[in-house]
Amino acid sequence: MTSTLFSRWTRTLAVAVLTGTLLSGCGYNEFQTKDEATIAAWGEVVNQYQRRADLIPNLVNTVKGYASHERETLEAVTRARAAATSFQITPEVLNDPAAFNKFQQVQGELSGALSRLMVVAEKYPDLKADASFRDLQSQLEGTENRITVARQRYIASVQDYNVTVRKFPTNLTAMVFGYETKPSFTVENEKAISTAPTVDFGK
């Protein structure tokens, strides 16, 4: 009886070890690691965009204090921020090219609106001299730099993941378990998003 139980336990252990070895050898574990890496990189992108969005209300209010008649530009920034913050950003976006493109679009529109706001602000010397505005300018510049770094890390992480999905023999594992390539920032949108608003008012 004891021998039979030992034999069953041995076979079960052997099957478990063999299964683990096969899954590891075919890239299953590699997929788990790289998938988590892309999710983490995406989270940092989202955090930095949120940081930028959080700066905008104070920035708009400060500009409004000096240039309240620039209503169209101020409203455009407010609308773009509302669209960007209302977009539901979840890890599922990483597996949905249409949703990812929408994310790019709303962030690109916000970048454009901010750039126009900065051009307007350039016309008001008193605004440029305001300590609060200069502080916001510095924070925005730093945030735009962080966005660029976070986005580059995400692009590299997705590239690494997508190569694993496509190359042999891990592409077989991808087919079996349903792993598909993840969307990344498009060339067209990358140019728009990576162009940080002009925030140097020291001229």
N, C-alpha and C. Protein backbone atom coordinates (compact mmCIF):
# COMPACT_ATOMS: atom_id res chain seq x y z
N MET A 1 0.83 -1.21 0.00
CA MET A 1 0.00 0.00 0.00
C MET A 1 0.86 1.25 0.00
N THR A 2 1.86 1.22 0.91
CA THR A 2 2.77 2.36 0.99
C THR A 2 3.55 2.52 -0.30
N SER A 3 3.96 1.38 -0.85
CA SER A 3 4.72 1.40 -2.10
C SER A 3 3.89 1.99 -3.23
N THR A 4 2.57 1.61 -3.26
CA THR A 4 1.68 2.13 -4.29
C THR A 4 1.51 3.63 -4.17
N LEU A 5 1.32 4.11 -2.95
CA LEU A 5 1.16 5.55 -2.72
C LEU A 5 2.43 6.30 -3.11
N PHE A 6 3.58 5.71 -2.76
CA PHE A 6 4.85 6.34 -3.10
C PHE A 6 5.03 6.41 -4.61
N SER A 7 4.61 5.34 -5.27
CA SER A 7 4.73 5.28 -6.73
C SER A 7 3.85 6.35 -7.39
N ARG A 8 2.61 6.49 -6.88
CA ARG A 8 1.71 7.51 -7.43
C ARG A 8 2.26 8.91 -7.19
N TRP A 9 2.77 9.11 -5.98
CA TRP A 9 3.32 10.43 -5.64
C TRP A 9 4.52 10.75 -6.53
N THR A 10 5.34 9.74 -6.79
CA THR A 10 6.52 9.91 -7.65
C THR A 10 6.11 10.28 -9.07
N ARG A 11 5.09 9.57 -9.58
CA ARG A 11 4.61 9.85 -10.94
C ARG A 11 4.02 11.25 -11.02
N THR A 12 3.24 11.64 -10.00
CA THR A 12 2.63 12.98 -9.97
C THR A 12 3.72 14.06 -9.95
N LEU A 13 4.73 13.84 -9.14
CA LEU A 13 5.83 14.80 -9.05
C LEU A 13 6.56 14.89 -10.38
N ALA A 14 6.78 13.73 -11.01
CA ALA A 14 7.49 13.70 -12.29
C ALA A 14 6.70 14.45 -13.36
N VAL A 15 5.38 14.23 -13.38
CA VAL A 15 4.53 14.94 -14.34
C VAL A 15 4.57 16.45 -14.10
N ALA A 16 4.53 16.83 -12.81
CA ALA A 16 4.56 18.25 -12.47
C ALA A 16 5.88 18.88 -12.91
N VAL A 17 6.98 18.18 -12.65
CA VAL A 17 8.30 18.70 -13.04
C VAL A 17 8.41 18.78 -14.55
N LEU A 18 7.94 17.73 -15.24
CA LEU A 18 8.00 17.72 -16.69
C LEU A 18 7.16 18.84 -17.29
N THR A 19 5.95 19.02 -16.73
CA THR A 19 5.07 20.09 -17.21
C THR A 19 5.72 21.45 -17.02
N GLY A 20 6.29 21.65 -15.83
CA GLY A 20 6.96 22.93 -15.55
C GLY A 20 8.12 23.17 -16.49
N THR A 21 8.88 22.09 -16.76
CA THR A 21 10.04 22.21 -17.65
C THR A 21 9.60 22.55 -19.07
N LEU A 22 8.54 21.86 -19.52
CA LEU A 22 8.04 22.13 -20.87
C LEU A 22 7.51 23.55 -21.00
N LEU A 23 6.75 23.99 -19.99
CA LEU A 23 6.20 25.35 -20.04
C LEU A 23 7.31 26.39 -20.02
N SER A 24 8.32 26.13 -19.21
CA SER A 24 9.45 27.05 -19.13
C SER A 24 10.22 27.05 -20.44
N GLY A 25 10.45 25.85 -20.97
CA GLY A 25 11.22 25.73 -22.21
C GLY A 25 10.53 26.33 -23.41
N CYS A 26 9.20 26.33 -23.42
CA CYS A 26 8.48 26.85 -24.58
C CYS A 26 8.21 28.35 -24.45
N GLY A 27 8.69 28.95 -23.37
CA GLY A 27 8.56 30.41 -23.24
C GLY A 27 7.39 30.88 -22.43
N TYR A 28 6.63 29.96 -21.84
CA TYR A 28 5.44 30.38 -21.08
C TYR A 28 5.82 31.35 -19.96
N ASN A 29 6.82 30.97 -19.18
CA ASN A 29 7.24 31.83 -18.08
C ASN A 29 7.81 33.15 -18.57
N GLU A 30 8.47 33.09 -19.70
CA GLU A 30 9.02 34.31 -20.30
C GLU A 30 7.89 35.29 -20.66
N PHE A 31 6.79 34.74 -21.15
CA PHE A 31 5.64 35.58 -21.46
C PHE A 31 5.09 36.26 -20.21
N GLN A 32 5.03 35.49 -19.13
CA GLN A 32 4.50 36.07 -17.88
C GLN A 32 5.37 37.25 -17.42
N THR A 33 6.68 37.06 -17.47
CA THR A 33 7.61 38.09 -17.03
C THR A 33 7.50 39.34 -17.91
N LYS A 34 7.46 39.13 -19.22
CA LYS A 34 7.45 40.27 -20.14
C LYS A 34 6.09 40.97 -20.16
N ASP A 35 5.03 40.20 -19.95
CA ASP A 35 3.71 40.80 -19.87
C ASP A 35 3.63 41.71 -18.65
N GLU A 36 4.12 41.25 -17.53
CA GLU A 36 4.13 42.08 -16.32
C GLU A 36 5.00 43.32 -16.51
N ALA A 37 6.09 43.17 -17.24
CA ALA A 37 6.98 44.31 -17.49
C ALA A 37 6.27 45.38 -18.32
N THR A 38 5.49 44.96 -19.32
CA THR A 38 4.77 45.95 -20.13
C THR A 38 3.68 46.63 -19.31
N ILE A 39 3.02 45.88 -18.43
CA ILE A 39 1.98 46.48 -17.58
C ILE A 39 2.59 47.51 -16.65
N ALA A 40 3.75 47.18 -16.08
CA ALA A 40 4.42 48.13 -15.18
C ALA A 40 4.86 49.37 -15.92
N ALA A 41 5.41 49.19 -17.12
CA ALA A 41 5.86 50.34 -17.92
C ALA A 41 4.67 51.20 -18.32
N TRP A 42 3.57 50.57 -18.66
CA TRP A 42 2.35 51.29 -19.00
C TRP A 42 1.84 52.10 -17.82
N GLY A 43 1.90 51.50 -16.64
CA GLY A 43 1.46 52.19 -15.43
C GLY A 43 2.22 53.48 -15.21
N GLU A 44 3.51 53.46 -15.51
CA GLU A 44 4.32 54.67 -15.33
C GLU A 44 3.95 55.74 -16.36
N VAL A 45 3.65 55.31 -17.59
CA VAL A 45 3.18 56.25 -18.60
C VAL A 45 1.90 56.94 -18.11
N VAL A 46 0.96 56.15 -17.64
CA VAL A 46 -0.31 56.68 -17.16
C VAL A 46 -0.10 57.63 -15.98
N ASN A 47 0.78 57.25 -15.05
CA ASN A 47 1.06 58.11 -13.89
C ASN A 47 1.57 59.48 -14.31
N GLN A 48 2.45 59.50 -15.28
CA GLN A 48 3.03 60.78 -15.70
C GLN A 48 2.02 61.63 -16.45
N TYR A 49 1.16 61.00 -17.26
CA TYR A 49 0.10 61.77 -17.93
C TYR A 49 -0.88 62.32 -16.90
N GLN A 50 -1.15 61.54 -15.86
CA GLN A 50 -2.04 62.02 -14.80
C GLN A 50 -1.40 63.19 -14.06
N ARG A 51 -0.12 63.11 -13.83
CA ARG A 51 0.60 64.20 -13.18
C ARG A 51 0.46 65.48 -13.99
N ARG A 52 0.58 65.35 -15.31
CA ARG A 52 0.41 66.52 -16.17
C ARG A 52 -1.01 67.06 -16.07
N ALA A 53 -1.99 66.17 -16.12
CA ALA A 53 -3.38 66.59 -16.04
C ALA A 53 -3.67 67.32 -14.74
N ASP A 54 -3.03 66.88 -13.66
CA ASP A 54 -3.26 67.52 -12.36
C ASP A 54 -2.70 68.94 -12.29
N LEU A 55 -1.69 69.23 -13.11
CA LEU A 55 -1.11 70.57 -13.13
C LEU A 55 -1.98 71.58 -13.89
N ILE A 56 -2.76 71.08 -14.81
CA ILE A 56 -3.45 71.96 -15.75
C ILE A 56 -4.46 72.91 -15.11
N PRO A 57 -5.30 72.50 -14.18
CA PRO A 57 -6.26 73.46 -13.60
C PRO A 57 -5.58 74.70 -13.00
N ASN A 58 -4.51 74.50 -12.24
CA ASN A 58 -3.79 75.64 -11.68
C ASN A 58 -3.15 76.49 -12.76
N LEU A 59 -2.64 75.83 -13.79
CA LEU A 59 -2.02 76.56 -14.90
C LEU A 59 -3.04 77.42 -15.61
N VAL A 60 -4.19 76.84 -15.90
CA VAL A 60 -5.26 77.59 -16.59
C VAL A 60 -5.73 78.76 -15.73
N ASN A 61 -5.92 78.53 -14.45
CA ASN A 61 -6.37 79.61 -13.57
C ASN A 61 -5.35 80.74 -13.47
N THR A 62 -4.08 80.40 -13.46
CA THR A 62 -3.04 81.42 -13.39
C THR A 62 -3.02 82.26 -14.66
N VAL A 63 -3.11 81.59 -15.81
CA VAL A 63 -3.13 82.32 -17.08
C VAL A 63 -4.39 83.18 -17.16
N LYS A 64 -5.50 82.63 -16.70
CA LYS A 64 -6.77 83.37 -16.75
C LYS A 64 -6.67 84.67 -15.96
N GLY A 65 -5.89 84.68 -14.90
CA GLY A 65 -5.75 85.89 -14.10
C GLY A 65 -5.11 87.04 -14.86
N TYR A 66 -4.32 86.71 -15.86
CA TYR A 66 -3.64 87.74 -16.65
C TYR A 66 -4.21 87.88 -18.06
N ALA A 67 -4.86 86.84 -18.54
CA ALA A 67 -5.31 86.84 -19.94
C ALA A 67 -6.70 86.21 -20.03
N SER A 68 -7.62 86.75 -19.26
CA SER A 68 -8.96 86.17 -19.20
C SER A 68 -9.68 86.23 -20.54
N HIS A 69 -9.31 87.21 -21.40
CA HIS A 69 -10.00 87.33 -22.69
C HIS A 69 -9.52 86.30 -23.72
N GLU A 70 -8.50 85.50 -23.37
CA GLU A 70 -8.05 84.41 -24.25
C GLU A 70 -8.92 83.18 -24.00
N ARG A 71 -10.21 83.42 -23.99
CA ARG A 71 -11.16 82.39 -23.57
C ARG A 71 -11.10 81.13 -24.44
N GLU A 72 -10.98 81.30 -25.73
CA GLU A 72 -11.00 80.15 -26.63
C GLU A 72 -9.85 79.19 -26.33
N THR A 73 -8.67 79.74 -26.12
CA THR A 73 -7.51 78.90 -25.83
C THR A 73 -7.64 78.22 -24.47
N LEU A 74 -8.10 78.97 -23.47
CA LEU A 74 -8.28 78.41 -22.14
C LEU A 74 -9.32 77.29 -22.14
N GLU A 75 -10.40 77.51 -22.86
CA GLU A 75 -11.45 76.49 -22.93
C GLU A 75 -10.97 75.25 -23.68
N ALA A 76 -10.14 75.45 -24.69
CA ALA A 76 -9.62 74.31 -25.46
C ALA A 76 -8.76 73.41 -24.57
N VAL A 77 -7.94 74.02 -23.71
CA VAL A 77 -7.12 73.24 -22.79
C VAL A 77 -8.00 72.49 -21.80
N THR A 78 -9.01 73.17 -21.29
CA THR A 78 -9.91 72.55 -20.32
C THR A 78 -10.66 71.37 -20.94
N ARG A 79 -11.14 71.55 -22.16
CA ARG A 79 -11.84 70.47 -22.86
C ARG A 79 -10.92 69.28 -23.12
N ALA A 80 -9.70 69.59 -23.57
CA ALA A 80 -8.75 68.51 -23.88
C ALA A 80 -8.39 67.74 -22.61
N ARG A 81 -8.24 68.45 -21.51
CA ARG A 81 -7.94 67.78 -20.24
C ARG A 81 -9.11 66.89 -19.82
N ALA A 82 -10.33 67.40 -19.98
CA ALA A 82 -11.51 66.62 -19.60
C ALA A 82 -11.60 65.34 -20.42
N ALA A 83 -11.29 65.44 -21.72
CA ALA A 83 -11.33 64.26 -22.58
C ALA A 83 -10.27 63.25 -22.17
N ALA A 84 -9.08 63.76 -21.83
CA ALA A 84 -7.98 62.87 -21.46
C ALA A 84 -8.24 62.17 -20.13
N THR A 85 -8.78 62.90 -19.16
CA THR A 85 -9.00 62.31 -17.84
C THR A 85 -10.25 61.44 -17.79
N SER A 86 -11.17 61.62 -18.71
CA SER A 86 -12.38 60.80 -18.71
C SER A 86 -12.17 59.46 -19.43
N PHE A 87 -11.06 59.36 -20.16
CA PHE A 87 -10.77 58.11 -20.87
C PHE A 87 -10.41 57.03 -19.85
N GLN A 88 -11.10 55.89 -19.93
CA GLN A 88 -10.87 54.80 -18.98
C GLN A 88 -9.57 54.07 -19.33
N ILE A 89 -8.56 54.27 -18.49
CA ILE A 89 -7.25 53.69 -18.75
C ILE A 89 -7.08 52.45 -17.86
N THR A 90 -7.10 51.29 -18.49
CA THR A 90 -6.93 50.02 -17.78
C THR A 90 -5.86 49.19 -18.50
N PRO A 91 -5.33 48.16 -17.84
CA PRO A 91 -4.36 47.30 -18.53
C PRO A 91 -4.90 46.67 -19.80
N GLU A 92 -6.24 46.54 -19.89
CA GLU A 92 -6.84 45.96 -21.09
C GLU A 92 -6.58 46.81 -22.34
N VAL A 93 -6.32 48.10 -22.13
CA VAL A 93 -6.01 48.99 -23.25
C VAL A 93 -4.80 48.46 -24.02
N LEU A 94 -3.90 47.78 -23.31
CA LEU A 94 -2.68 47.27 -23.94
C LEU A 94 -2.97 46.18 -24.96
N ASN A 95 -4.13 45.56 -24.87
CA ASN A 95 -4.48 44.49 -25.81
C ASN A 95 -5.57 44.91 -26.79
N ASP A 96 -5.86 46.20 -26.82
CA ASP A 96 -6.92 46.71 -27.69
C ASP A 96 -6.37 47.88 -28.51
N PRO A 97 -5.93 47.61 -29.75
CA PRO A 97 -5.32 48.66 -30.57
C PRO A 97 -6.22 49.88 -30.76
N ALA A 98 -7.53 49.68 -30.88
CA ALA A 98 -8.44 50.82 -31.07
C ALA A 98 -8.46 51.71 -29.82
N ALA A 99 -8.52 51.09 -28.65
CA ALA A 99 -8.51 51.86 -27.40
C ALA A 99 -7.17 52.55 -27.21
N PHE A 100 -6.10 51.86 -27.57
CA PHE A 100 -4.77 52.46 -27.43
C PHE A 100 -4.64 53.68 -28.35
N ASN A 101 -5.15 53.57 -29.56
CA ASN A 101 -5.12 54.70 -30.49
C ASN A 101 -5.93 55.87 -29.95
N LYS A 102 -7.05 55.56 -29.30
CA LYS A 102 -7.87 56.62 -28.70
C LYS A 102 -7.10 57.31 -27.58
N PHE A 103 -6.39 56.53 -26.79
CA PHE A 103 -5.56 57.10 -25.72
C PHE A 103 -4.53 58.05 -26.33
N GLN A 104 -3.86 57.61 -27.40
CA GLN A 104 -2.89 58.47 -28.07
C GLN A 104 -3.52 59.76 -28.56
N GLN A 105 -4.70 59.61 -29.12
CA GLN A 105 -5.39 60.77 -29.69
C GLN A 105 -5.70 61.82 -28.64
N VAL A 106 -6.29 61.40 -27.51
CA VAL A 106 -6.68 62.39 -26.50
C VAL A 106 -5.45 63.02 -25.85
N GLN A 107 -4.39 62.25 -25.67
CA GLN A 107 -3.17 62.83 -25.10
C GLN A 107 -2.50 63.77 -26.09
N GLY A 108 -2.55 63.42 -27.37
CA GLY A 108 -2.00 64.30 -28.40
C GLY A 108 -2.75 65.62 -28.50
N GLU A 109 -4.07 65.54 -28.37
CA GLU A 109 -4.88 66.76 -28.40
C GLU A 109 -4.58 67.65 -27.20
N LEU A 110 -4.35 67.03 -26.05
CA LEU A 110 -4.01 67.80 -24.86
C LEU A 110 -2.63 68.45 -25.02
N SER A 111 -1.69 67.73 -25.59
CA SER A 111 -0.36 68.31 -25.84
C SER A 111 -0.47 69.52 -26.76
N GLY A 112 -1.28 69.40 -27.80
CA GLY A 112 -1.46 70.51 -28.73
C GLY A 112 -2.11 71.71 -28.08
N ALA A 113 -3.11 71.46 -27.25
CA ALA A 113 -3.80 72.56 -26.56
C ALA A 113 -2.85 73.26 -25.59
N LEU A 114 -2.02 72.51 -24.90
CA LEU A 114 -1.04 73.10 -23.98
C LEU A 114 -0.03 73.95 -24.74
N SER A 115 0.40 73.46 -25.88
CA SER A 115 1.35 74.24 -26.69
C SER A 115 0.75 75.58 -27.10
N ARG A 116 -0.51 75.56 -27.50
CA ARG A 116 -1.18 76.82 -27.89
C ARG A 116 -1.31 77.76 -26.69
N LEU A 117 -1.58 77.18 -25.52
CA LEU A 117 -1.68 78.00 -24.31
C LEU A 117 -0.35 78.68 -24.01
N MET A 118 0.74 77.97 -24.19
CA MET A 118 2.05 78.55 -23.92
C MET A 118 2.40 79.66 -24.90
N VAL A 119 1.96 79.51 -26.14
CA VAL A 119 2.18 80.56 -27.12
C VAL A 119 1.43 81.82 -26.72
N VAL A 120 0.21 81.67 -26.24
CA VAL A 120 -0.59 82.81 -25.76
C VAL A 120 0.10 83.45 -24.57
N ALA A 121 0.58 82.63 -23.63
CA ALA A 121 1.20 83.16 -22.42
C ALA A 121 2.44 83.99 -22.72
N GLU A 122 3.10 83.68 -23.82
CA GLU A 122 4.31 84.41 -24.21
C GLU A 122 4.03 85.90 -24.43
N LYS A 123 2.79 86.23 -24.73
CA LYS A 123 2.43 87.63 -25.04
C LYS A 123 2.25 88.48 -23.78
N TYR A 124 2.31 87.87 -22.59
CA TYR A 124 2.00 88.61 -21.36
C TYR A 124 3.21 88.61 -20.41
N PRO A 125 4.01 89.68 -20.47
CA PRO A 125 5.20 89.77 -19.62
C PRO A 125 4.90 89.63 -18.13
N ASP A 126 3.79 90.21 -17.68
CA ASP A 126 3.46 90.10 -16.26
C ASP A 126 3.18 88.66 -15.86
N LEU A 127 2.56 87.92 -16.76
CA LEU A 127 2.29 86.50 -16.49
C LEU A 127 3.60 85.73 -16.40
N LYS A 128 4.50 85.98 -17.33
CA LYS A 128 5.78 85.26 -17.33
C LYS A 128 6.59 85.55 -16.06
N ALA A 129 6.36 86.73 -15.48
CA ALA A 129 7.10 87.12 -14.28
C ALA A 129 6.45 86.60 -13.00
N ASP A 130 5.22 86.10 -13.10
CA ASP A 130 4.49 85.62 -11.93
C ASP A 130 5.16 84.37 -11.35
N ALA A 131 5.44 84.40 -10.05
CA ALA A 131 6.15 83.29 -9.40
C ALA A 131 5.38 81.97 -9.50
N SER A 132 4.07 82.04 -9.34
CA SER A 132 3.25 80.82 -9.41
C SER A 132 3.32 80.21 -10.81
N PHE A 133 3.26 81.08 -11.79
CA PHE A 133 3.31 80.59 -13.17
C PHE A 133 4.67 79.96 -13.47
N ARG A 134 5.72 80.59 -13.01
CA ARG A 134 7.05 80.06 -13.26
C ARG A 134 7.24 78.71 -12.57
N ASP A 135 6.65 78.55 -11.41
CA ASP A 135 6.71 77.27 -10.71
C ASP A 135 5.95 76.20 -11.49
N LEU A 136 4.76 76.56 -11.97
CA LEU A 136 3.98 75.62 -12.77
C LEU A 136 4.71 75.26 -14.06
N GLN A 137 5.34 76.27 -14.65
CA GLN A 137 6.12 76.06 -15.87
C GLN A 137 7.22 75.03 -15.62
N SER A 138 7.92 75.17 -14.49
CA SER A 138 8.99 74.24 -14.16
C SER A 138 8.46 72.83 -13.93
N GLN A 139 7.34 72.73 -13.24
CA GLN A 139 6.74 71.42 -12.99
C GLN A 139 6.27 70.76 -14.28
N LEU A 140 5.69 71.57 -15.16
CA LEU A 140 5.21 71.04 -16.44
C LEU A 140 6.37 70.55 -17.29
N GLU A 141 7.43 71.32 -17.32
CA GLU A 141 8.60 70.92 -18.09
C GLU A 141 9.15 69.59 -17.57
N GLY A 142 9.26 69.48 -16.24
CA GLY A 142 9.75 68.23 -15.65
C GLY A 142 8.84 67.06 -15.95
N THR A 143 7.54 67.31 -15.91
CA THR A 143 6.58 66.24 -16.20
C THR A 143 6.66 65.79 -17.65
N GLU A 144 6.81 66.74 -18.57
CA GLU A 144 6.94 66.38 -19.98
C GLU A 144 8.18 65.52 -20.20
N ASN A 145 9.26 65.82 -19.49
CA ASN A 145 10.47 65.00 -19.60
C ASN A 145 10.22 63.60 -19.07
N ARG A 146 9.49 63.52 -17.95
CA ARG A 146 9.17 62.20 -17.38
C ARG A 146 8.26 61.40 -18.32
N ILE A 147 7.34 62.08 -18.96
CA ILE A 147 6.46 61.41 -19.92
C ILE A 147 7.29 60.81 -21.05
N THR A 148 8.24 61.58 -21.55
CA THR A 148 9.09 61.09 -22.64
C THR A 148 9.85 59.84 -22.22
N VAL A 149 10.44 59.87 -21.03
CA VAL A 149 11.21 58.71 -20.54
C VAL A 149 10.29 57.51 -20.33
N ALA A 150 9.13 57.73 -19.70
CA ALA A 150 8.19 56.63 -19.44
C ALA A 150 7.70 56.02 -20.74
N ARG A 151 7.42 56.87 -21.71
CA ARG A 151 6.94 56.37 -23.00
C ARG A 151 8.01 55.56 -23.72
N GLN A 152 9.26 56.02 -23.65
CA GLN A 152 10.35 55.28 -24.28
C GLN A 152 10.54 53.91 -23.64
N ARG A 153 10.41 53.86 -22.31
CA ARG A 153 10.54 52.58 -21.62
C ARG A 153 9.41 51.63 -22.00
N TYR A 154 8.22 52.18 -22.14
CA TYR A 154 7.08 51.35 -22.55
C TYR A 154 7.29 50.81 -23.95
N ILE A 155 7.75 51.66 -24.85
CA ILE A 155 8.00 51.23 -26.24
C ILE A 155 9.01 50.09 -26.28
N ALA A 156 10.09 50.23 -25.49
CA ALA A 156 11.12 49.18 -25.45
C ALA A 156 10.55 47.89 -24.87
N SER A 157 9.72 48.00 -23.84
CA SER A 157 9.12 46.82 -23.20
C SER A 157 8.18 46.10 -24.16
N VAL A 158 7.38 46.87 -24.89
CA VAL A 158 6.45 46.27 -25.85
C VAL A 158 7.21 45.62 -27.01
N GLN A 159 8.26 46.27 -27.45
CA GLN A 159 9.06 45.70 -28.53
C GLN A 159 9.62 44.34 -28.11
N ASP A 160 10.14 44.27 -26.90
CA ASP A 160 10.70 43.03 -26.38
C ASP A 160 9.62 41.95 -26.30
N TYR A 161 8.43 42.31 -25.81
CA TYR A 161 7.32 41.38 -25.70
C TYR A 161 6.88 40.90 -27.08
N ASN A 162 6.72 41.85 -28.02
CA ASN A 162 6.22 41.50 -29.35
C ASN A 162 7.19 40.60 -30.11
N VAL A 163 8.49 40.80 -29.91
CA VAL A 163 9.48 39.92 -30.55
C VAL A 163 9.30 38.49 -30.03
N THR A 164 9.04 38.35 -28.74
CA THR A 164 8.82 37.03 -28.16
C THR A 164 7.57 36.38 -28.73
N VAL A 165 6.54 37.16 -28.98
CA VAL A 165 5.30 36.64 -29.57
C VAL A 165 5.55 36.11 -30.99
N ARG A 166 6.46 36.75 -31.70
CA ARG A 166 6.63 36.44 -33.13
C ARG A 166 7.71 35.42 -33.43
N LYS A 167 8.73 35.31 -32.55
CA LYS A 167 9.87 34.46 -32.91
C LYS A 167 9.59 32.99 -32.58
N PHE A 168 10.29 32.12 -33.29
CA PHE A 168 10.19 30.68 -33.06
C PHE A 168 11.17 30.29 -31.97
N PRO A 169 10.84 29.39 -31.04
CA PRO A 169 9.60 28.61 -30.95
C PRO A 169 8.53 29.24 -30.05
N THR A 170 8.84 30.40 -29.45
CA THR A 170 7.86 30.98 -28.53
C THR A 170 6.58 31.43 -29.23
N ASN A 171 6.64 31.59 -30.56
CA ASN A 171 5.42 31.94 -31.28
C ASN A 171 4.39 30.81 -31.21
N LEU A 172 4.86 29.58 -31.05
CA LEU A 172 3.94 28.45 -30.90
C LEU A 172 3.21 28.53 -29.56
N THR A 173 3.95 28.90 -28.53
CA THR A 173 3.33 29.10 -27.22
C THR A 173 2.32 30.24 -27.28
N ALA A 174 2.68 31.29 -27.99
CA ALA A 174 1.78 32.43 -28.13
C ALA A 174 0.47 32.01 -28.78
N MET A 175 0.57 31.17 -29.80
CA MET A 175 -0.65 30.70 -30.49
C MET A 175 -1.50 29.83 -29.57
N VAL A 176 -0.85 28.95 -28.82
CA VAL A 176 -1.56 28.03 -27.93
C VAL A 176 -2.29 28.78 -26.83
N PHE A 177 -1.62 29.75 -26.22
CA PHE A 177 -2.18 30.46 -25.06
C PHE A 177 -2.85 31.78 -25.43
N GLY A 178 -2.86 32.11 -26.70
CA GLY A 178 -3.58 33.31 -27.15
C GLY A 178 -2.85 34.62 -26.90
N TYR A 179 -1.52 34.59 -26.80
CA TYR A 179 -0.77 35.83 -26.63
C TYR A 179 -0.66 36.53 -27.98
N GLU A 180 -0.99 37.80 -28.01
CA GLU A 180 -0.91 38.57 -29.24
C GLU A 180 -0.01 39.78 -29.03
N THR A 181 0.44 40.35 -30.15
CA THR A 181 1.29 41.54 -30.03
C THR A 181 0.50 42.67 -29.40
N LYS A 182 1.21 43.53 -28.69
CA LYS A 182 0.60 44.67 -28.02
C LYS A 182 0.83 45.93 -28.85
N PRO A 183 -0.11 46.87 -28.82
CA PRO A 183 0.08 48.11 -29.58
C PRO A 183 1.10 49.01 -28.91
N SER A 184 1.76 49.81 -29.73
CA SER A 184 2.70 50.79 -29.20
C SER A 184 2.37 52.14 -29.81
N PHE A 185 3.10 53.17 -29.41
CA PHE A 185 2.83 54.49 -29.95
C PHE A 185 3.17 54.52 -31.43
N THR A 186 2.28 55.09 -32.24
CA THR A 186 2.51 55.16 -33.68
C THR A 186 3.52 56.25 -33.99
N VAL A 187 4.14 56.14 -35.15
CA VAL A 187 5.12 57.14 -35.57
C VAL A 187 4.48 58.52 -35.67
N GLU A 188 3.27 58.57 -36.25
CA GLU A 188 2.60 59.85 -36.42
C GLU A 188 2.29 60.50 -35.07
N ASN A 189 1.75 59.72 -34.15
CA ASN A 189 1.38 60.29 -32.87
C ASN A 189 2.58 60.52 -31.98
N GLU A 190 3.61 59.71 -32.15
CA GLU A 190 4.82 59.87 -31.34
C GLU A 190 5.40 61.27 -31.51
N LYS A 191 5.38 61.75 -32.75
CA LYS A 191 5.92 63.09 -33.01
C LYS A 191 5.12 64.14 -32.28
N ALA A 192 3.80 64.02 -32.31
CA ALA A 192 2.94 65.02 -31.66
C ALA A 192 3.06 64.97 -30.14
N ILE A 193 3.03 63.77 -29.59
CA ILE A 193 3.05 63.64 -28.13
C ILE A 193 4.42 63.97 -27.56
N SER A 194 5.48 63.59 -28.28
CA SER A 194 6.81 63.78 -27.73
C SER A 194 7.31 65.21 -27.87
N THR A 195 6.54 66.05 -28.56
CA THR A 195 6.90 67.47 -28.65
C THR A 195 6.34 68.17 -27.43
N ALA A 196 7.19 68.39 -26.46
CA ALA A 196 6.74 69.01 -25.21
C ALA A 196 6.35 70.46 -25.46
N PRO A 197 5.32 70.94 -24.76
CA PRO A 197 4.97 72.35 -24.88
C PRO A 197 6.15 73.24 -24.52
N THR A 198 6.26 74.36 -25.21
CA THR A 198 7.34 75.30 -24.93
C THR A 198 7.06 75.97 -23.59
N VAL A 199 7.95 75.75 -22.65
CA VAL A 199 7.72 76.30 -21.32
C VAL A 199 8.90 77.12 -20.84
N ASP A 200 9.79 77.53 -21.75
CA ASP A 200 10.93 78.34 -21.36
C ASP A 200 10.60 79.80 -21.52
N PHE A 201 10.33 80.46 -20.41
CA PHE A 201 9.98 81.87 -20.42
C PHE A 201 11.13 82.73 -19.91
N GLY A 202 12.32 82.20 -19.94
CA GLY A 202 13.46 82.95 -19.44
C GLY A 202 14.08 83.86 -20.47
N LYS A 203 13.53 83.88 -21.68
CA LYS A 203 14.11 84.69 -22.76
C LYS A 203 13.84 86.17 -22.53
